[in-house]
PDB file of N, CA and C in Angstrom:
ATOM      1  N   MET A   1      99.559  64.124  82.644  1.00  0.00           N
ATOM      2  CA  MET A   1      99.964  64.912  83.780  1.00  0.00           C
ATOM      3  C   MET A   1     101.264  65.642  83.450  1.00  0.00           C
ATOM      4  N   LYS A   2     101.290  66.927  83.780  1.00  0.00           N
ATOM      5  CA  LYS A   2     102.477  67.733  83.508  1.00  0.00           C
ATOM      6  C   LYS A   2     103.572  67.412  84.524  1.00  0.00           C
ATOM      7  N   PRO A   3     104.819  67.429  84.052  1.00  0.00           N
ATOM      8  CA  PRO A   3     105.914  67.250  85.020  1.00  0.00           C
ATOM      9  C   PRO A   3     106.061  68.491  85.891  1.00  0.00           C
ATOM     10  N   LYS A   4     106.703  68.333  87.039  1.00  0.00           N
ATOM     11  CA  LYS A   4     106.933  69.470  87.930  1.00  0.00           C
ATOM     12  C   LYS A   4     107.808  70.510  87.238  1.00  0.00           C
ATOM     13  N   ARG A   5     107.593  71.749  87.601  1.00  0.00           N
ATOM     14  CA  ARG A   5     108.426  72.820  87.062  1.00  0.00           C
ATOM     15  C   ARG A   5     109.793  72.787  87.731  1.00  0.00           C
ATOM     16  N   SER A   6     110.792  73.121  86.971  1.00  0.00           N
ATOM     17  CA  SER A   6     112.141  73.231  87.533  1.00  0.00           C
ATOM     18  C   SER A   6     112.225  74.530  88.325  1.00  0.00           C
ATOM     19  N   GLN A   7     113.277  74.659  89.117  1.00  0.00           N
ATOM     20  CA  GLN A   7     113.487  75.875  89.897  1.00  0.00           C
ATOM     21  C   GLN A   7     113.572  77.087  88.963  1.00  0.00           C
ATOM     22  N   LEU A   8     114.247  76.916  87.855  1.00  0.00           N
ATOM     23  CA  LEU A   8     114.395  77.998  86.888  1.00  0.00           C
ATOM     24  C   LEU A   8     113.041  78.417  86.312  1.00  0.00           C
ATOM     25  N   GLU A   9     112.188  77.445  86.028  1.00  0.00           N
ATOM     26  CA  GLU A   9     110.862  77.753  85.489  1.00  0.00           C
ATOM     27  C   GLU A   9     109.998  78.484  86.515  1.00  0.00           C
ATOM     28  N   VAL A  10     110.092  78.079  87.775  1.00  0.00           N
ATOM     29  CA  VAL A  10     109.330  78.750  88.833  1.00  0.00           C
ATOM     30  C   VAL A  10     109.801  80.192  88.971  1.00  0.00           C
ATOM     31  N   ILE A  11     111.107  80.386  88.973  1.00  0.00           N
ATOM     32  CA  ILE A  11     111.658  81.739  89.067  1.00  0.00           C
ATOM     33  C   ILE A  11     111.177  82.589  87.896  1.00  0.00           C
ATOM     34  N   HIS A  12     111.233  82.028  86.707  1.00  0.00           N
ATOM     35  CA  HIS A  12     110.744  82.748  85.532  1.00  0.00           C
ATOM     36  C   HIS A  12     109.271  83.104  85.686  1.00  0.00           C
ATOM     37  N   ASP A  13     108.454  82.150  86.101  1.00  0.00           N
ATOM     38  CA  ASP A  13     107.025  82.395  86.247  1.00  0.00           C
ATOM     39  C   ASP A  13     106.751  83.510  87.259  1.00  0.00           C
ATOM     40  N   MET A  14     107.493  83.502  88.363  1.00  0.00           N
ATOM     41  CA  MET A  14     107.301  84.541  89.382  1.00  0.00           C
ATOM     42  C   MET A  14     107.699  85.910  88.847  1.00  0.00           C
ATOM     43  N   LEU A  15     108.871  85.987  88.225  1.00  0.00           N
ATOM     44  CA  LEU A  15     109.335  87.280  87.702  1.00  0.00           C
ATOM     45  C   LEU A  15     108.443  87.775  86.570  1.00  0.00           C
ATOM     46  N   ALA A  16     107.982  86.858  85.727  1.00  0.00           N
ATOM     47  CA  ALA A  16     107.094  87.242  84.627  1.00  0.00           C
ATOM     48  C   ALA A  16     105.760  87.764  85.169  1.00  0.00           C
ATOM     49  N   SER A  17     105.290  87.192  86.271  1.00  0.00           N
ATOM     50  CA  SER A  17     104.055  87.669  86.895  1.00  0.00           C
ATOM     51  C   SER A  17     104.219  89.099  87.391  1.00  0.00           C
ATOM     52  N   VAL A  18     105.367  89.387  87.971  1.00  0.00           N
ATOM     53  CA  VAL A  18     105.636  90.754  88.437  1.00  0.00           C
ATOM     54  C   VAL A  18     105.690  91.697  87.232  1.00  0.00           C
ATOM     55  N   GLN A  19     106.355  91.261  86.180  1.00  0.00           N
ATOM     56  CA  GLN A  19     106.477  92.102  84.985  1.00  0.00           C
ATOM     57  C   GLN A  19     105.108  92.391  84.372  1.00  0.00           C
ATOM     58  N   ARG A  20     104.260  91.381  84.297  1.00  0.00           N
ATOM     59  CA  ARG A  20     102.930  91.577  83.716  1.00  0.00           C
ATOM     60  C   ARG A  20     102.082  92.558  84.522  1.00  0.00           C
ATOM     61  N   LYS A  21     102.374  92.718  85.785  1.00  0.00           N
ATOM     62  CA  LYS A  21     101.657  93.667  86.632  1.00  0.00           C
ATOM     63  C   LYS A  21     102.358  95.031  86.638  1.00  0.00           C
ATOM     64  N   GLY A  22     103.185  95.290  85.661  1.00  0.00           N
ATOM     65  CA  GLY A  22     103.842  96.584  85.547  1.00  0.00           C
ATOM     66  C   GLY A  22     105.102  96.713  86.382  1.00  0.00           C
ATOM     67  N   GLY A  23     105.665  95.564  86.800  1.00  0.00           N
ATOM     68  CA  GLY A  23     106.914  95.588  87.559  1.00  0.00           C
ATOM     69  C   GLY A  23     106.719  95.712  89.051  1.00  0.00           C
ATOM     70  N   ARG A  24     105.461  95.641  89.500  1.00  0.00           N
ATOM     71  CA  ARG A  24     105.146  95.795  90.929  1.00  0.00           C
ATOM     72  C   ARG A  24     103.912  94.957  91.242  1.00  0.00           C
ATOM     73  N   ILE A  25     104.005  94.105  92.268  1.00  0.00           N
ATOM     74  CA  ILE A  25     102.904  93.193  92.566  1.00  0.00           C
ATOM     75  C   ILE A  25     102.739  93.023  94.070  1.00  0.00           C
ATOM     76  N   ARG A  26     101.520  92.804  94.497  1.00  0.00           N
ATOM     77  CA  ARG A  26     101.220  92.522  95.899  1.00  0.00           C
ATOM     78  C   ARG A  26     101.485  91.030  96.161  1.00  0.00           C
ATOM     79  N   PRO A  27     101.827  90.662  97.390  1.00  0.00           N
ATOM     80  CA  PRO A  27     102.122  89.267  97.709  1.00  0.00           C
ATOM     81  C   PRO A  27     100.981  88.301  97.380  1.00  0.00           C
ATOM     82  N   THR A  28      99.742  88.700  97.663  1.00  0.00           N
ATOM     83  CA  THR A  28      98.623  87.794  97.383  1.00  0.00           C
ATOM     84  C   THR A  28      98.444  87.568  95.883  1.00  0.00           C
ATOM     85  N   GLN A  29      98.681  88.597  95.091  1.00  0.00           N
ATOM     86  CA  GLN A  29      98.591  88.446  93.636  1.00  0.00           C
ATOM     87  C   GLN A  29      99.696  87.517  93.136  1.00  0.00           C
ATOM     88  N   LEU A  30     100.884  87.693  93.674  1.00  0.00           N
ATOM     89  CA  LEU A  30     102.009  86.847  93.271  1.00  0.00           C
ATOM     90  C   LEU A  30     101.758  85.400  93.657  1.00  0.00           C
ATOM     91  N   LEU A  31     101.196  85.180  94.810  1.00  0.00           N
ATOM     92  CA  LEU A  31     100.894  83.828  95.265  1.00  0.00           C
ATOM     93  C   LEU A  31      99.934  83.141  94.311  1.00  0.00           C
ATOM     94  N   SER A  32      98.889  83.815  93.916  1.00  0.00           N
ATOM     95  CA  SER A  32      97.911  83.189  93.018  1.00  0.00           C
ATOM     96  C   SER A  32      98.463  83.001  91.612  1.00  0.00           C
ATOM     97  N   LYS A  33      99.255  83.939  91.149  1.00  0.00           N
ATOM     98  CA  LYS A  33      99.788  83.843  89.788  1.00  0.00           C
ATOM     99  C   LYS A  33     100.943  82.851  89.653  1.00  0.00           C
ATOM    100  N   SER A  34     101.694  82.658  90.729  1.00  0.00           N
ATOM    101  CA  SER A  34     102.843  81.756  90.652  1.00  0.00           C
ATOM    102  C   SER A  34     102.478  80.299  90.910  1.00  0.00           C
ATOM    103  N   ASN A  35     101.255  80.059  91.395  1.00  0.00           N
ATOM    104  CA  ASN A  35     100.765  78.705  91.626  1.00  0.00           C
ATOM    105  C   ASN A  35     101.690  77.908  92.560  1.00  0.00           C
ATOM    106  N   LEU A  36     102.012  78.520  93.683  1.00  0.00           N
ATOM    107  CA  LEU A  36     102.856  77.887  94.695  1.00  0.00           C
ATOM    108  C   LEU A  36     102.143  77.940  96.039  1.00  0.00           C
ATOM    109  N   SER A  37     102.570  77.094  96.939  1.00  0.00           N
ATOM    110  CA  SER A  37     102.067  77.206  98.305  1.00  0.00           C
ATOM    111  C   SER A  37     102.695  78.452  98.926  1.00  0.00           C
ATOM    112  N   TYR A  38     102.102  78.923 100.010  1.00  0.00           N
ATOM    113  CA  TYR A  38     102.629  80.107 100.684  1.00  0.00           C
ATOM    114  C   TYR A  38     104.068  79.874 101.130  1.00  0.00           C
ATOM    115  N   LYS A  39     104.325  78.709 101.702  1.00  0.00           N
ATOM    116  CA  LYS A  39     105.671  78.386 102.197  1.00  0.00           C
ATOM    117  C   LYS A  39     106.697  78.386 101.059  1.00  0.00           C
ATOM    118  N   MET A  40     106.348  77.749  99.945  1.00  0.00           N
ATOM    119  CA  MET A  40     107.275  77.700  98.805  1.00  0.00           C
ATOM    120  C   MET A  40     107.499  79.096  98.227  1.00  0.00           C
ATOM    121  N   MET A  41     106.438  79.894  98.168  1.00  0.00           N
ATOM    122  CA  MET A  41     106.599  81.244  97.649  1.00  0.00           C
ATOM    123  C   MET A  41     107.567  82.033  98.527  1.00  0.00           C
ATOM    124  N   GLN A  42     107.440  81.897  99.839  1.00  0.00           N
ATOM    125  CA  GLN A  42     108.338  82.596 100.755  1.00  0.00           C
ATOM    126  C   GLN A  42     109.788  82.180 100.528  1.00  0.00           C
ATOM    127  N   GLU A  43     110.018  80.889 100.312  1.00  0.00           N
ATOM    128  CA  GLU A  43     111.378  80.408 100.054  1.00  0.00           C
ATOM    129  C   GLU A  43     111.938  81.003  98.766  1.00  0.00           C
ATOM    130  N   TYR A  44     111.111  81.050  97.733  1.00  0.00           N
ATOM    131  CA  TYR A  44     111.564  81.628  96.472  1.00  0.00           C
ATOM    132  C   TYR A  44     111.776  83.138  96.592  1.00  0.00           C
ATOM    133  N   LEU A  45     110.948  83.812  97.362  1.00  0.00           N
ATOM    134  CA  LEU A  45     111.125  85.254  97.547  1.00  0.00           C
ATOM    135  C   LEU A  45     112.458  85.560  98.214  1.00  0.00           C
ATOM    136  N   VAL A  46     112.857  84.743  99.168  1.00  0.00           N
ATOM    137  CA  VAL A  46     114.163  84.917  99.811  1.00  0.00           C
ATOM    138  C   VAL A  46     115.262  84.744  98.765  1.00  0.00           C
ATOM    139  N   LEU A  47     115.148  83.703  97.954  1.00  0.00           N
ATOM    140  CA  LEU A  47     116.133  83.436  96.906  1.00  0.00           C
ATOM    141  C   LEU A  47     116.220  84.598  95.915  1.00  0.00           C
ATOM    142  N   LEU A  48     115.066  85.084  95.470  1.00  0.00           N
ATOM    143  CA  LEU A  48     115.035  86.184  94.497  1.00  0.00           C
ATOM    144  C   LEU A  48     115.589  87.472  95.091  1.00  0.00           C
ATOM    145  N   ASP A  49     115.296  87.699  96.358  1.00  0.00           N
ATOM    146  CA  ASP A  49     115.810  88.893  97.027  1.00  0.00           C
ATOM    147  C   ASP A  49     117.325  88.802  97.214  1.00  0.00           C
ATOM    148  N   GLU A  50     117.817  87.639  97.620  1.00  0.00           N
ATOM    149  CA  GLU A  50     119.264  87.454  97.803  1.00  0.00           C
ATOM    150  C   GLU A  50     120.028  87.679  96.501  1.00  0.00           C
ATOM    151  N   ARG A  51     119.419  87.303  95.402  1.00  0.00           N
ATOM    152  CA  ARG A  51     120.076  87.451  94.096  1.00  0.00           C
ATOM    153  C   ARG A  51     119.746  88.783  93.426  1.00  0.00           C
ATOM    154  N   LYS A  52     119.049  89.641  94.157  1.00  0.00           N
ATOM    155  CA  LYS A  52     118.724  91.002  93.700  1.00  0.00           C
ATOM    156  C   LYS A  52     117.874  91.025  92.428  1.00  0.00           C
ATOM    157  N   LEU A  53     116.996  90.028  92.269  1.00  0.00           N
ATOM    158  CA  LEU A  53     116.096  89.993  91.126  1.00  0.00           C
ATOM    159  C   LEU A  53     114.793  90.721  91.423  1.00  0.00           C
ATOM    160  N   ILE A  54     114.452  90.797  92.692  1.00  0.00           N
ATOM    161  CA  ILE A  54     113.305  91.571  93.144  1.00  0.00           C
ATOM    162  C   ILE A  54     113.715  92.351  94.385  1.00  0.00           C
ATOM    163  N   LYS A  55     112.880  93.298  94.744  1.00  0.00           N
ATOM    164  CA  LYS A  55     113.078  93.972  96.031  1.00  0.00           C
ATOM    165  C   LYS A  55     111.706  94.232  96.629  1.00  0.00           C
ATOM    166  N   GLU A  56     111.689  94.273  97.943  1.00  0.00           N
ATOM    167  CA  GLU A  56     110.446  94.516  98.661  1.00  0.00           C
ATOM    168  C   GLU A  56     110.296  96.008  98.916  1.00  0.00           C
ATOM    169  N   GLU A  57     109.067  96.482  98.767  1.00  0.00           N
ATOM    170  CA  GLU A  57     108.771  97.882  99.023  1.00  0.00           C
ATOM    171  C   GLU A  57     107.529  97.943  99.900  1.00  0.00           C
ATOM    172  N   ARG A  58     107.577  98.818 100.877  1.00  0.00           N
ATOM    173  CA  ARG A  58     106.408  99.026 101.736  1.00  0.00           C
ATOM    174  C   ARG A  58     105.909 100.445 101.538  1.00  0.00           C
ATOM    175  N   VAL A  59     104.619 100.542 101.256  1.00  0.00           N
ATOM    176  CA  VAL A  59     103.955 101.833 101.121  1.00  0.00           C
ATOM    177  C   VAL A  59     102.851 101.847 102.167  1.00  0.00           C
ATOM    178  N   LYS A  60     103.045 102.708 103.161  1.00  0.00           N
ATOM    179  CA  LYS A  60     102.175 102.731 104.337  1.00  0.00           C
ATOM    180  C   LYS A  60     102.193 101.346 104.958  1.00  0.00           C
ATOM    181  N   ASP A  61     101.083 100.648 104.987  1.00  0.00           N
ATOM    182  CA  ASP A  61     101.063  99.316 105.585  1.00  0.00           C
ATOM    183  C   ASP A  61     100.953  98.206 104.540  1.00  0.00           C
ATOM    184  N   LYS A  62     101.191  98.540 103.280  1.00  0.00           N
ATOM    185  CA  LYS A  62     101.077  97.552 102.194  1.00  0.00           C
ATOM    186  C   LYS A  62     102.450  97.163 101.677  1.00  0.00           C
ATOM    187  N   LYS A  63     102.577  95.880 101.377  1.00  0.00           N
ATOM    188  CA  LYS A  63     103.837  95.337 100.871  1.00  0.00           C
ATOM    189  C   LYS A  63     103.706  95.063  99.374  1.00  0.00           C
ATOM    190  N   PHE A  64     104.756  95.392  98.650  1.00  0.00           N
ATOM    191  CA  PHE A  64     104.834  95.129  97.216  1.00  0.00           C
ATOM    192  C   PHE A  64     106.186  94.500  96.908  1.00  0.00           C
ATOM    193  N   TYR A  65     106.235  93.747  95.813  1.00  0.00           N
ATOM    194  CA  TYR A  65     107.498  93.250  95.290  1.00  0.00           C
ATOM    195  C   TYR A  65     107.722  93.903  93.939  1.00  0.00           C
ATOM    196  N   LEU A  66     108.921  94.429  93.762  1.00  0.00           N
ATOM    197  CA  LEU A  66     109.266  95.125  92.531  1.00  0.00           C
ATOM    198  C   LEU A  66     110.360  94.365  91.790  1.00  0.00           C
ATOM    199  N   LEU A  67     110.267  94.381  90.495  1.00  0.00           N
ATOM    200  CA  LEU A  67     111.275  93.772  89.645  1.00  0.00           C
ATOM    201  C   LEU A  67     112.451  94.734  89.511  1.00  0.00           C
ATOM    202  N   THR A  68     113.648  94.242  89.747  1.00  0.00           N
ATOM    203  CA  THR A  68     114.839  95.081  89.617  1.00  0.00           C
ATOM    204  C   THR A  68     115.339  95.038  88.170  1.00  0.00           C
ATOM    205  N   ASP A  69     116.325  95.860  87.864  1.00  0.00           N
ATOM    206  CA  ASP A  69     116.937  95.820  86.532  1.00  0.00           C
ATOM    207  C   ASP A  69     117.517  94.435  86.261  1.00  0.00           C
ATOM    208  N   LYS A  70     118.108  93.851  87.288  1.00  0.00           N
ATOM    209  CA  LYS A  70     118.674  92.509  87.151  1.00  0.00           C
ATOM    210  C   LYS A  70     117.562  91.486  86.882  1.00  0.00           C
ATOM    211  N   GLY A  71     116.395  91.691  87.477  1.00  0.00           N
ATOM    212  CA  GLY A  71     115.242  90.820  87.235  1.00  0.00           C
ATOM    213  C   GLY A  71     114.764  90.910  85.794  1.00  0.00           C
ATOM    214  N   TYR A  72     114.707  92.144  85.275  1.00  0.00           N
ATOM    215  CA  TYR A  72     114.329  92.330  83.867  1.00  0.00           C
ATOM    216  C   TYR A  72     115.352  91.667  82.942  1.00  0.00           C
ATOM    217  N   ALA A  73     116.625  91.795  83.273  1.00  0.00           N
ATOM    218  CA  ALA A  73     117.681  91.174  82.467  1.00  0.00           C
ATOM    219  C   ALA A  73     117.550  89.653  82.490  1.00  0.00           C
ATOM    220  N   PHE A  74     117.224  89.099  83.660  1.00  0.00           N
ATOM    221  CA  PHE A  74     117.019  87.653  83.766  1.00  0.00           C
ATOM    222  C   PHE A  74     115.912  87.206  82.811  1.00  0.00           C
ATOM    223  N   LEU A  75     114.791  87.923  82.816  1.00  0.00           N
ATOM    224  CA  LEU A  75     113.675  87.546  81.945  1.00  0.00           C
ATOM    225  C   LEU A  75     114.070  87.599  80.472  1.00  0.00           C
ATOM    226  N   THR A  76     114.812  88.613  80.092  1.00  0.00           N
ATOM    227  CA  THR A  76     115.263  88.738  78.706  1.00  0.00           C
ATOM    228  C   THR A  76     116.137  87.554  78.316  1.00  0.00           C
ATOM    229  N   GLU A  77     117.093  87.238  79.163  1.00  0.00           N
ATOM    230  CA  GLU A  77     118.008  86.122  78.868  1.00  0.00           C
ATOM    231  C   GLU A  77     117.295  84.776  78.918  1.00  0.00           C
ATOM    232  N   TYR A  78     116.363  84.606  79.832  1.00  0.00           N
ATOM    233  CA  TYR A  78     115.609  83.360  79.931  1.00  0.00           C
ATOM    234  C   TYR A  78     114.816  83.126  78.652  1.00  0.00           C
ATOM    235  N   ARG A  79     114.171  84.174  78.161  1.00  0.00           N
ATOM    236  CA  ARG A  79     113.375  84.041  76.933  1.00  0.00           C
ATOM    237  C   ARG A  79     114.265  83.766  75.726  1.00  0.00           C
ATOM    238  N   ARG A  80     115.435  84.388  75.713  1.00  0.00           N
ATOM    239  CA  ARG A  80     116.381  84.146  74.615  1.00  0.00           C
ATOM    240  C   ARG A  80     116.853  82.692  74.637  1.00  0.00           C
ATOM    241  N   LEU A  81     117.200  82.196  75.800  1.00  0.00           N
ATOM    242  CA  LEU A  81     117.645  80.820  75.948  1.00  0.00           C
ATOM    243  C   LEU A  81     116.520  79.844  75.609  1.00  0.00           C
ATOM    244  N   SER A  82     115.316  80.173  76.013  1.00  0.00           N
ATOM    245  CA  SER A  82     114.152  79.333  75.724  1.00  0.00           C
ATOM    246  C   SER A  82     113.923  79.225  74.205  1.00  0.00           C
ATOM    247  N   ALA A  83     114.009  80.341  73.531  1.00  0.00           N
ATOM    248  CA  ALA A  83     113.832  80.351  72.079  1.00  0.00           C
ATOM    249  C   ALA A  83     114.926  79.532  71.401  1.00  0.00           C
ATOM    250  N   PHE A  84     116.148  79.655  71.913  1.00  0.00           N
ATOM    251  CA  PHE A  84     117.272  78.902  71.350  1.00  0.00           C
ATOM    252  C   PHE A  84     117.048  77.399  71.504  1.00  0.00           C
ATOM    253  N   THR A  85     116.668  76.948  72.691  1.00  0.00           N
ATOM    254  CA  THR A  85     116.475  75.517  72.908  1.00  0.00           C
ATOM    255  C   THR A  85     115.298  74.972  72.103  1.00  0.00           C
ATOM    256  N   GLU A  86     114.238  75.779  71.980  1.00  0.00           N
ATOM    257  CA  GLU A  86     113.092  75.349  71.175  1.00  0.00           C
ATOM    258  C   GLU A  86     113.460  75.241  69.699  1.00  0.00           C
ATOM    259  N   ALA A  87     114.329  76.116  69.208  1.00  0.00           N
ATOM    260  CA  ALA A  87     114.733  76.102  67.806  1.00  0.00           C
ATOM    261  C   ALA A  87     115.444  74.789  67.446  1.00  0.00           C
ATOM    262  N   PHE A  88     116.095  74.194  68.444  1.00  0.00           N
ATOM    263  CA  PHE A  88     116.803  72.943  68.208  1.00  0.00           C
ATOM    264  C   PHE A  88     116.063  71.738  68.758  1.00  0.00           C
ATOM    265  N   GLY A  89     114.824  71.952  69.169  1.00  0.00           N
ATOM    266  CA  GLY A  89     113.997  70.854  69.644  1.00  0.00           C
ATOM    267  C   GLY A  89     114.461  70.251  70.955  1.00  0.00           C
ATOM    268  N   LEU A  90     115.077  71.064  71.788  1.00  0.00           N
ATOM    269  CA  LEU A  90     115.564  70.552  73.075  1.00  0.00           C
ATOM    270  C   LEU A  90     114.623  70.897  74.203  1.00  0.00           C
TER     271      LEU A  90
END
């Protein structure tokens, strides 16, 4: 059985899902890709929005989440840190 993901891993997974969709994703797509309950996803979306890692966009009656420049920077640094820790077996 896999251990639970840390908050940092969940944030990475959510932002990476947005990036894989070209930097823009619908809420239902994000929910399925992030593997979270609706309630937990909403809590993380508030956190990501407060930290300016994503922003919400409405086009007509459709909602999208977009990755900000700060969100892209987070992903770059997360991957760099991940590679560093793996190199030392941590």
